[in-house]
């Protein structure tokens, strides 16, 4: 007598890898969204200094791509034979162009934020090249900052 393997056991490796990928990508999305928030909050609360790097804001443009991969992984986990059509290839191309434009737009926003800091706020950049991403209200504060960030 031949024992038949349930279909869920055949899908188990694909489901496990898919869930690991989804959990990892959700963690990355949370991390990417949290970075600029932690950088900007001292500015909002009126701190004497804060750390800001525009590259962290540019990371926000990757969030839609991560969400796309999460959705695509979820679909592929539960479908037997998913073969994308030509129309879906066109959608991926359009999605890629939108991500690229979003990346450029967010970088421009980061540049305008730097200009706003330089012109309309009392914050100034530290003169030490190692502390170039720190903005302070008084240059004496730069001497007390311990730089634990990597550049």
Protein backbone atom coordinates (compact mmCIF):
# COMPACT_ATOMS: atom_id res chain seq x y z
CA UNK A 1 0.00 0.00 0.00
CA UNK A 2 1.38 3.38 -1.05
CA UNK A 3 1.10 6.28 1.39
CA UNK A 4 0.17 9.56 -0.25
CA UNK A 5 1.99 12.66 0.97
CA UNK A 6 -0.38 15.53 1.80
CA UNK A 7 0.02 18.47 -0.53
CA UNK A 8 0.75 20.85 2.36
CA UNK A 9 3.94 18.89 3.14
CA UNK A 10 5.09 19.29 -0.45
CA UNK A 11 4.63 23.05 -0.13
CA UNK A 12 6.27 23.28 3.30
CA UNK A 13 9.78 24.32 2.13
CA UNK A 14 8.32 27.01 -0.14
CA UNK A 15 6.01 28.24 2.63
CA UNK A 16 8.82 28.29 5.18
CA UNK A 17 11.21 30.20 2.93
CA UNK A 18 8.45 32.57 1.90
CA UNK A 19 7.52 33.32 5.50
CA UNK A 20 11.18 33.85 6.44
CA UNK A 21 11.57 36.26 3.52
CA UNK A 22 8.39 38.14 4.44
CA UNK A 23 9.38 38.43 8.11
CA UNK A 24 12.85 39.67 7.14
CA UNK A 25 11.49 42.25 4.71
CA UNK A 26 8.91 43.51 7.23
CA UNK A 27 11.77 43.97 9.71
CA UNK A 28 13.74 45.95 7.08
CA UNK A 29 10.72 48.16 6.32
CA UNK A 30 10.27 48.88 10.03
CA UNK A 31 13.98 49.68 10.37
CA UNK A 32 14.02 51.93 7.30
CA UNK A 33 10.98 53.91 8.47
CA UNK A 34 12.32 54.22 12.04
CA UNK A 35 15.74 55.67 11.07
CA UNK A 36 14.60 59.10 9.80
CA UNK A 37 12.05 59.32 12.61
CA UNK A 38 14.77 58.95 15.26
CA UNK A 39 16.97 61.48 13.46
CA UNK A 40 14.30 64.18 13.17
CA UNK A 41 12.68 63.88 16.62
CA UNK A 42 15.43 65.86 18.48
CA UNK A 43 14.85 68.72 16.02
CA UNK A 44 11.13 68.69 16.74
CA UNK A 45 11.64 68.52 20.51
CA UNK A 46 14.12 71.42 20.47
CA UNK A 47 17.30 69.58 21.43
CA UNK A 48 20.67 71.35 21.40
CA UNK A 49 21.99 68.96 18.77
CA UNK A 50 20.82 66.20 16.48
CA UNK A 51 22.21 63.86 13.86
CA UNK A 52 20.86 64.04 10.32
CA UNK A 53 21.95 62.36 7.12
CA UNK A 54 19.88 62.76 3.95
CA UNK A 55 20.78 59.24 2.85
CA UNK A 56 18.50 57.90 5.56
CA UNK A 57 15.58 59.81 4.09
CA UNK A 58 16.47 58.45 0.65
CA UNK A 59 16.08 54.95 2.11
CA UNK A 60 12.35 55.66 2.44
CA UNK A 61 12.01 55.33 -1.31
CA UNK A 62 12.87 51.63 -1.03
CA UNK A 63 9.80 50.88 1.11
CA UNK A 64 7.41 50.44 -1.87
CA UNK A 65 9.86 48.02 -3.48
CA UNK A 66 10.01 45.98 -0.28
CA UNK A 67 6.20 45.96 -0.08
CA UNK A 68 6.05 44.81 -3.72
CA UNK A 69 8.44 41.93 -3.00
CA UNK A 70 6.44 40.99 0.12
CA UNK A 71 3.22 40.85 -1.93
CA UNK A 72 4.84 38.92 -4.76
CA UNK A 73 6.30 36.43 -2.27
CA UNK A 74 2.93 35.99 -0.60
CA UNK A 75 1.25 35.30 -3.95
CA UNK A 76 3.91 32.83 -5.02
CA UNK A 77 3.69 30.96 -1.72
CA UNK A 78 0.08 29.94 -2.25
CA UNK A 79 -0.15 29.54 -6.01
CA UNK A 80 0.79 26.31 -7.75
CA UNK A 81 1.98 27.55 -11.11
CA UNK A 82 2.14 31.30 -11.25
CA UNK A 83 3.48 32.55 -14.57
CA UNK A 84 3.41 36.31 -14.99
CA UNK A 85 1.78 37.63 -18.13
CA UNK A 86 3.12 40.32 -20.45
CA UNK A 87 0.82 42.81 -18.77
CA UNK A 88 2.38 42.09 -15.37
CA UNK A 89 5.85 42.60 -16.87
CA UNK A 90 4.69 46.03 -18.07
CA UNK A 91 3.37 46.79 -14.59
CA UNK A 92 6.72 45.86 -13.06
CA UNK A 93 8.44 48.23 -15.52
CA UNK A 94 6.08 51.05 -14.61
CA UNK A 95 6.53 50.26 -10.93
CA UNK A 96 10.32 50.44 -11.37
CA UNK A 97 10.04 53.86 -13.02
CA UNK A 98 7.80 55.10 -10.20
CA UNK A 99 10.33 53.87 -7.61
CA UNK A 100 13.13 55.66 -9.48
CA UNK A 101 11.15 58.91 -9.61
CA UNK A 102 10.25 58.53 -5.94
CA UNK A 103 13.93 58.07 -5.12
CA UNK A 104 14.86 61.29 -6.96
CA UNK A 105 11.97 63.19 -5.36
CA UNK A 106 12.88 62.07 -1.84
CA UNK A 107 16.52 63.01 -2.43
CA UNK A 108 15.37 66.46 -3.55
CA UNK A 109 13.28 66.75 -0.36
CA UNK A 110 16.35 65.85 1.69
CA UNK A 111 18.32 68.56 -0.12
CA UNK A 112 15.62 71.14 0.62
CA UNK A 113 15.64 70.01 4.24
CA UNK A 114 19.39 70.72 4.39
CA UNK A 115 18.74 74.16 2.91
CA UNK A 116 15.97 74.77 5.44
CA UNK A 117 18.34 73.84 8.28
CA UNK A 118 21.04 76.14 6.95
CA UNK A 119 18.83 79.18 6.35
CA UNK A 120 15.85 79.16 8.72
CA UNK A 121 17.04 77.40 11.90
CA UNK A 122 19.69 78.26 14.47
CA UNK A 123 21.40 74.89 13.87
CA UNK A 124 24.86 74.80 12.31
CA UNK A 125 26.98 71.91 11.05
CA UNK A 126 29.90 70.84 13.21
CA UNK A 127 33.18 71.85 11.61
CA UNK A 128 34.93 68.55 12.39
CA UNK A 129 34.68 66.25 9.31
CA UNK A 130 33.97 63.26 11.56
CA UNK A 131 30.93 65.06 12.97
CA UNK A 132 29.67 66.48 9.67
CA UNK A 133 26.18 65.03 10.14
CA UNK A 134 25.66 66.64 13.55
CA UNK A 135 23.76 69.92 13.72
CA UNK A 136 24.25 72.02 16.84
CA UNK A 137 23.01 75.33 18.22
CA UNK A 138 26.49 76.23 19.53
CA UNK A 139 29.88 75.06 18.23
CA UNK A 140 31.00 74.30 21.81
CA UNK A 141 28.56 71.36 21.82
CA UNK A 142 30.58 69.72 19.01
CA UNK A 143 33.45 69.18 21.46
CA UNK A 144 31.20 67.18 23.82
CA UNK A 145 29.70 64.87 21.16
CA UNK A 146 31.00 61.32 21.09
CA UNK A 147 30.56 59.99 17.55
CA UNK A 148 29.35 56.39 17.73
CA UNK A 149 27.87 56.36 14.23
CA UNK A 150 29.61 54.87 11.23
CA UNK A 151 29.81 56.87 8.03
